[in-house]
Amino acid sequence: MSEKQELIKKMLEMQKRFIAYEQEHGLDPEEYYVPAENHPLHNYRQEYKEAAMRVVELAHAEKGSRS
């Protein structure tokens, strides 16, 4: 599996965990934007953003649309 496919798979798994957490516990904006270190969403936004940006970079590289 390519790096891009692995990252997309990881992002989909992250989304599933996020949705499951939200449905089970509800979600306060503070939990999403500034979760405590021991919170299941700690680093979620940063990890997801990094994965998404890498997917964009890889897609551009595949198409030769960015250097």
PDB file of N, CA and C in Angstrom:
ATOM      1  N   MET A   1       0.856  -1.169   0.000  1.00  0.00           N
ATOM      2  CA  MET A   1       0.000   0.000   0.000  1.00  0.00           C
ATOM      3  C   MET A   1       0.907   1.239   0.000  1.00  0.00           C
ATOM      4  N   SER A   2       0.542   2.222  -0.796  1.00  0.00           N
ATOM      5  CA  SER A   2       1.356   3.434  -0.882  1.00  0.00           C
ATOM      6  C   SER A   2       1.221   4.283   0.383  1.00  0.00           C
ATOM      7  N   GLU A   3       2.144   5.203   0.542  1.00  0.00           N
ATOM      8  CA  GLU A   3       2.085   6.106   1.702  1.00  0.00           C
ATOM      9  C   GLU A   3       0.771   6.875   1.712  1.00  0.00           C
ATOM     10  N   LYS A   4       0.358   7.343   0.533  1.00  0.00           N
ATOM     11  CA  LYS A   4      -0.896   8.106   0.451  1.00  0.00           C
ATOM     12  C   LYS A   4      -2.083   7.246   0.880  1.00  0.00           C
ATOM     13  N   GLN A   5      -2.133   6.010   0.418  1.00  0.00           N
ATOM     14  CA  GLN A   5      -3.220   5.114   0.805  1.00  0.00           C
ATOM     15  C   GLN A   5      -3.200   4.825   2.302  1.00  0.00           C
ATOM     16  N   GLU A   6      -2.014   4.640   2.862  1.00  0.00           N
ATOM     17  CA  GLU A   6      -1.884   4.401   4.307  1.00  0.00           C
ATOM     18  C   GLU A   6      -2.398   5.603   5.101  1.00  0.00           C
ATOM     19  N   LEU A   7      -2.039   6.794   4.655  1.00  0.00           N
ATOM     20  CA  LEU A   7      -2.486   8.002   5.352  1.00  0.00           C
ATOM     21  C   LEU A   7      -3.994   8.168   5.259  1.00  0.00           C
ATOM     22  N   ILE A   8      -4.557   7.906   4.093  1.00  0.00           N
ATOM     23  CA  ILE A   8      -6.010   8.006   3.936  1.00  0.00           C
ATOM     24  C   ILE A   8      -6.699   6.993   4.839  1.00  0.00           C
ATOM     25  N   LYS A   9      -6.166   5.788   4.902  1.00  0.00           N
ATOM     26  CA  LYS A   9      -6.718   4.760   5.797  1.00  0.00           C
ATOM     27  C   LYS A   9      -6.655   5.236   7.246  1.00  0.00           C
ATOM     28  N   LYS A  10      -5.522   5.801   7.645  1.00  0.00           N
ATOM     29  CA  LYS A  10      -5.362   6.321   9.007  1.00  0.00           C
ATOM     30  C   LYS A  10      -6.382   7.424   9.281  1.00  0.00           C
ATOM     31  N   MET A  11      -6.571   8.325   8.322  1.00  0.00           N
ATOM     32  CA  MET A  11      -7.517   9.424   8.505  1.00  0.00           C
ATOM     33  C   MET A  11      -8.946   8.906   8.652  1.00  0.00           C
ATOM     34  N   LEU A  12      -9.316   7.908   7.863  1.00  0.00           N
ATOM     35  CA  LEU A  12     -10.656   7.327   7.976  1.00  0.00           C
ATOM     36  C   LEU A  12     -10.852   6.656   9.331  1.00  0.00           C
ATOM     37  N   GLU A  13      -9.828   5.966   9.816  1.00  0.00           N
ATOM     38  CA  GLU A  13      -9.907   5.348  11.143  1.00  0.00           C
ATOM     39  C   GLU A  13     -10.031   6.413  12.230  1.00  0.00           C
ATOM     40  N   MET A  14      -9.284   7.498  12.084  1.00  0.00           N
ATOM     41  CA  MET A  14      -9.373   8.595  13.050  1.00  0.00           C
ATOM     42  C   MET A  14     -10.777   9.186  13.051  1.00  0.00           C
ATOM     43  N   GLN A  15     -11.360   9.367  11.868  1.00  0.00           N
ATOM     44  CA  GLN A  15     -12.715   9.905  11.772  1.00  0.00           C
ATOM     45  C   GLN A  15     -13.723   8.983  12.447  1.00  0.00           C
ATOM     46  N   LYS A  16     -13.578   7.680  12.235  1.00  0.00           N
ATOM     47  CA  LYS A  16     -14.492   6.718  12.858  1.00  0.00           C
ATOM     48  C   LYS A  16     -14.402   6.790  14.378  1.00  0.00           C
ATOM     49  N   ARG A  17     -13.166   6.867  14.906  1.00  0.00           N
ATOM     50  CA  ARG A  17     -12.998   6.964  16.364  1.00  0.00           C
ATOM     51  C   ARG A  17     -13.591   8.270  16.895  1.00  0.00           C
ATOM     52  N   PHE A  18     -13.389   9.357  16.162  1.00  0.00           N
ATOM     53  CA  PHE A  18     -13.929  10.649  16.570  1.00  0.00           C
ATOM     54  C   PHE A  18     -15.453  10.594  16.619  1.00  0.00           C
ATOM     55  N   ILE A  19     -16.067  10.078  15.561  1.00  0.00           N
ATOM     56  CA  ILE A  19     -17.527   9.994  15.499  1.00  0.00           C
ATOM     57  C   ILE A  19     -18.058   9.109  16.623  1.00  0.00           C
ATOM     58  N   ALA A  20     -17.408   7.983  16.866  1.00  0.00           N
ATOM     59  CA  ALA A  20     -17.839   7.090  17.947  1.00  0.00           C
ATOM     60  C   ALA A  20     -17.754   7.797  19.293  1.00  0.00           C
ATOM     61  N   TYR A  21     -16.660   8.528  19.518  1.00  0.00           N
ATOM     62  CA  TYR A  21     -16.508   9.261  20.777  1.00  0.00           C
ATOM     63  C   TYR A  21     -17.611  10.301  20.912  1.00  0.00           C
ATOM     64  N   GLU A  22     -17.844  11.055  19.855  1.00  0.00           N
ATOM     65  CA  GLU A  22     -18.861  12.111  19.892  1.00  0.00           C
ATOM     66  C   GLU A  22     -20.253  11.532  20.143  1.00  0.00           C
ATOM     67  N   GLN A  23     -20.575  10.432  19.498  1.00  0.00           N
ATOM     68  CA  GLN A  23     -21.895   9.832  19.682  1.00  0.00           C
ATOM     69  C   GLN A  23     -22.069   9.267  21.087  1.00  0.00           C
ATOM     70  N   GLU A  24     -21.007   8.744  21.656  1.00  0.00           N
ATOM     71  CA  GLU A  24     -21.097   8.151  22.989  1.00  0.00           C
ATOM     72  C   GLU A  24     -21.065   9.195  24.098  1.00  0.00           C
ATOM     73  N   HIS A  25     -20.247  10.234  23.939  1.00  0.00           N
ATOM     74  CA  HIS A  25     -20.015  11.184  25.026  1.00  0.00           C
ATOM     75  C   HIS A  25     -20.514  12.599  24.752  1.00  0.00           C
ATOM     76  N   GLY A  26     -20.904  12.885  23.528  1.00  0.00           N
ATOM     77  CA  GLY A  26     -21.154  14.272  23.168  1.00  0.00           C
ATOM     78  C   GLY A  26     -19.803  14.963  23.043  1.00  0.00           C
ATOM     79  N   LEU A  27     -19.814  16.203  22.620  1.00  0.00           N
ATOM     80  CA  LEU A  27     -18.532  16.875  22.431  1.00  0.00           C
ATOM     81  C   LEU A  27     -18.649  18.350  22.764  1.00  0.00           C
ATOM     82  N   ASP A  28     -17.929  18.735  23.785  1.00  0.00           N
ATOM     83  CA  ASP A  28     -17.808  20.136  24.165  1.00  0.00           C
ATOM     84  C   ASP A  28     -16.713  20.738  23.283  1.00  0.00           C
ATOM     85  N   PRO A  29     -16.896  21.949  22.776  1.00  0.00           N
ATOM     86  CA  PRO A  29     -15.853  22.555  21.936  1.00  0.00           C
ATOM     87  C   PRO A  29     -14.473  22.562  22.598  1.00  0.00           C
ATOM     88  N   GLU A  30     -14.437  22.744  23.902  1.00  0.00           N
ATOM     89  CA  GLU A  30     -13.152  22.750  24.603  1.00  0.00           C
ATOM     90  C   GLU A  30     -12.443  21.399  24.472  1.00  0.00           C
ATOM     91  N   GLU A  31     -13.222  20.310  24.502  1.00  0.00           N
ATOM     92  CA  GLU A  31     -12.630  18.979  24.339  1.00  0.00           C
ATOM     93  C   GLU A  31     -11.972  18.837  22.967  1.00  0.00           C
ATOM     94  N   TYR A  32     -12.556  19.482  21.975  1.00  0.00           N
ATOM     95  CA  TYR A  32     -12.032  19.383  20.614  1.00  0.00           C
ATOM     96  C   TYR A  32     -10.830  20.299  20.403  1.00  0.00           C
ATOM     97  N   TYR A  33     -10.946  21.537  20.872  1.00  0.00           N
ATOM     98  CA  TYR A  33      -9.902  22.521  20.591  1.00  0.00           C
ATOM     99  C   TYR A  33      -8.736  22.494  21.578  1.00  0.00           C
ATOM    100  N   VAL A  34      -8.995  22.199  22.837  1.00  0.00           N
ATOM    101  CA  VAL A  34      -7.918  22.164  23.841  1.00  0.00           C
ATOM    102  C   VAL A  34      -8.116  20.988  24.808  1.00  0.00           C
ATOM    103  N   PRO A  35      -8.075  19.766  24.294  1.00  0.00           N
ATOM    104  CA  PRO A  35      -8.276  18.614  25.178  1.00  0.00           C
ATOM    105  C   PRO A  35      -7.090  18.418  26.121  1.00  0.00           C
ATOM    106  N   ALA A  36      -7.389  17.889  27.288  1.00  0.00           N
ATOM    107  CA  ALA A  36      -6.335  17.575  28.257  1.00  0.00           C
ATOM    108  C   ALA A  36      -5.432  16.484  27.679  1.00  0.00           C
ATOM    109  N   GLU A  37      -4.228  16.386  28.210  1.00  0.00           N
ATOM    110  CA  GLU A  37      -3.262  15.407  27.687  1.00  0.00           C
ATOM    111  C   GLU A  37      -3.763  13.970  27.755  1.00  0.00           C
ATOM    112  N   ASN A  38      -4.562  13.652  28.744  1.00  0.00           N
ATOM    113  CA  ASN A  38      -5.055  12.279  28.882  1.00  0.00           C
ATOM    114  C   ASN A  38      -6.378  12.050  28.144  1.00  0.00           C
ATOM    115  N   HIS A  39      -6.872  13.055  27.442  1.00  0.00           N
ATOM    116  CA  HIS A  39      -8.142  12.962  26.721  1.00  0.00           C
ATOM    117  C   HIS A  39      -7.949  12.177  25.422  1.00  0.00           C
ATOM    118  N   PRO A  40      -8.940  11.369  25.033  1.00  0.00           N
ATOM    119  CA  PRO A  40      -8.821  10.605  23.781  1.00  0.00           C
ATOM    120  C   PRO A  40      -8.597  11.477  22.533  1.00  0.00           C
ATOM    121  N   LEU A  41      -8.993  12.735  22.584  1.00  0.00           N
ATOM    122  CA  LEU A  41      -8.815  13.619  21.432  1.00  0.00           C
ATOM    123  C   LEU A  41      -7.536  14.451  21.496  1.00  0.00           C
ATOM    124  N   HIS A  42      -6.714  14.193  22.506  1.00  0.00           N
ATOM    125  CA  HIS A  42      -5.450  14.931  22.609  1.00  0.00           C
ATOM    126  C   HIS A  42      -4.629  14.693  21.342  1.00  0.00           C
ATOM    127  N   ASN A  43      -4.183  15.753  20.717  1.00  0.00           N
ATOM    128  CA  ASN A  43      -3.390  15.734  19.475  1.00  0.00           C
ATOM    129  C   ASN A  43      -4.176  15.303  18.240  1.00  0.00           C
ATOM    130  N   TYR A  44      -5.471  15.052  18.363  1.00  0.00           N
ATOM    131  CA  TYR A  44      -6.272  14.611  17.210  1.00  0.00           C
ATOM    132  C   TYR A  44      -6.185  15.608  16.062  1.00  0.00           C
ATOM    133  N   ARG A  45      -6.463  16.865  16.357  1.00  0.00           N
ATOM    134  CA  ARG A  45      -6.481  17.876  15.293  1.00  0.00           C
ATOM    135  C   ARG A  45      -5.127  17.999  14.614  1.00  0.00           C
ATOM    136  N   GLN A  46      -4.053  18.017  15.389  1.00  0.00           N
ATOM    137  CA  GLN A  46      -2.710  18.153  14.822  1.00  0.00           C
ATOM    138  C   GLN A  46      -2.346  16.934  13.969  1.00  0.00           C
ATOM    139  N   GLU A  47      -2.605  15.741  14.490  1.00  0.00           N
ATOM    140  CA  GLU A  47      -2.287  14.519  13.741  1.00  0.00           C
ATOM    141  C   GLU A  47      -3.085  14.442  12.443  1.00  0.00           C
ATOM    142  N   TYR A  48      -4.370  14.796  12.527  1.00  0.00           N
ATOM    143  CA  TYR A  48      -5.221  14.736  11.334  1.00  0.00           C
ATOM    144  C   TYR A  48      -4.758  15.767  10.306  1.00  0.00           C
ATOM    145  N   LYS A  49      -4.455  16.965  10.770  1.00  0.00           N
ATOM    146  CA  LYS A  49      -3.986  18.021   9.868  1.00  0.00           C
ATOM    147  C   LYS A  49      -2.690  17.608   9.173  1.00  0.00           C
ATOM    148  N   GLU A  50      -1.753  17.058   9.931  1.00  0.00           N
ATOM    149  CA  GLU A  50      -0.474  16.631   9.351  1.00  0.00           C
ATOM    150  C   GLU A  50      -0.682  15.537   8.306  1.00  0.00           C
ATOM    151  N   ALA A  51      -1.555  14.584   8.603  1.00  0.00           N
ATOM    152  CA  ALA A  51      -1.835  13.513   7.642  1.00  0.00           C
ATOM    153  C   ALA A  51      -2.487  14.083   6.386  1.00  0.00           C
ATOM    154  N   ALA A  52      -3.453  14.975   6.572  1.00  0.00           N
ATOM    155  CA  ALA A  52      -4.147  15.570   5.425  1.00  0.00           C
ATOM    156  C   ALA A  52      -3.197  16.380   4.551  1.00  0.00           C
ATOM    157  N   MET A  53      -2.325  17.145   5.167  1.00  0.00           N
ATOM    158  CA  MET A  53      -1.376  17.947   4.395  1.00  0.00           C
ATOM    159  C   MET A  53      -0.394  17.056   3.634  1.00  0.00           C
ATOM    160  N   ARG A  54       0.003  15.949   4.236  1.00  0.00           N
ATOM    161  CA  ARG A  54       0.909  15.033   3.547  1.00  0.00           C
ATOM    162  C   ARG A  54       0.207  14.388   2.349  1.00  0.00           C
ATOM    163  N   VAL A  55      -1.070  14.043   2.502  1.00  0.00           N
ATOM    164  CA  VAL A  55      -1.835  13.483   1.384  1.00  0.00           C
ATOM    165  C   VAL A  55      -1.890  14.492   0.237  1.00  0.00           C
ATOM    166  N   VAL A  56      -2.112  15.756   0.559  1.00  0.00           N
ATOM    167  CA  VAL A  56      -2.138  16.804  -0.471  1.00  0.00           C
ATOM    168  C   VAL A  56      -0.781  16.886  -1.170  1.00  0.00           C
ATOM    169  N   GLU A  57       0.295  16.886  -0.393  1.00  0.00           N
ATOM    170  CA  GLU A  57       1.645  16.935  -0.977  1.00  0.00           C
ATOM    171  C   GLU A  57       1.880  15.757  -1.917  1.00  0.00           C
ATOM    172  N   LEU A  58       1.496  14.570  -1.484  1.00  0.00           N
ATOM    173  CA  LEU A  58       1.696  13.379  -2.308  1.00  0.00           C
ATOM    174  C   LEU A  58       0.853  13.429  -3.580  1.00  0.00           C
ATOM    175  N   ALA A  59      -0.369  13.914  -3.460  1.00  0.00           N
ATOM    176  CA  ALA A  59      -1.240  14.024  -4.634  1.00  0.00           C
ATOM    177  C   ALA A  59      -0.664  15.013  -5.642  1.00  0.00           C
ATOM    178  N   HIS A  60      -0.164  16.133  -5.156  1.00  0.00           N
ATOM    179  CA  HIS A  60       0.464  17.105  -6.058  1.00  0.00           C
ATOM    180  C   HIS A  60       1.701  16.504  -6.726  1.00  0.00           C
ATOM    181  N   ALA A  61       2.477  15.770  -5.962  1.00  0.00           N
ATOM    182  CA  ALA A  61       3.680  15.148  -6.526  1.00  0.00           C
ATOM    183  C   ALA A  61       3.311  14.143  -7.619  1.00  0.00           C
ATOM    184  N   GLU A  62       2.233  13.389  -7.392  1.00  0.00           N
ATOM    185  CA  GLU A  62       1.778  12.419  -8.394  1.00  0.00           C
ATOM    186  C   GLU A  62       1.403  13.102  -9.703  1.00  0.00           C
ATOM    187  N   LYS A  63       0.747  14.238  -9.587  1.00  0.00           N
ATOM    188  CA  LYS A  63       0.258  14.952 -10.769  1.00  0.00           C
ATOM    189  C   LYS A  63       1.262  15.958 -11.305  1.00  0.00           C
ATOM    190  N   GLY A  64       2.328  16.189 -10.547  1.00  0.00           N
ATOM    191  CA  GLY A  64       3.332  17.152 -10.983  1.00  0.00           C
ATOM    192  C   GLY A  64       2.839  18.581 -10.960  1.00  0.00           C
ATOM    193  N   SER A  65       1.878  18.858 -10.079  1.00  0.00           N
ATOM    194  CA  SER A  65       1.290  20.196 -10.048  1.00  0.00           C
ATOM    195  C   SER A  65       1.950  21.134  -9.052  1.00  0.00           C
ATOM    196  N   ARG A  66       2.876  20.631  -8.277  1.00  0.00           N
ATOM    197  CA  ARG A  66       3.654  21.459  -7.346  1.00  0.00           C
ATOM    198  C   ARG A  66       5.051  20.903  -7.261  1.00  0.00           C
ATOM    199  N   SER A  67       5.973  21.791  -6.961  1.00  0.00           N
ATOM    200  CA  SER A  67       7.349  21.304  -6.816  1.00  0.00           C
ATOM    201  C   SER A  67       7.679  21.047  -5.369  1.00  0.00           C
TER     202      SER A  67
END
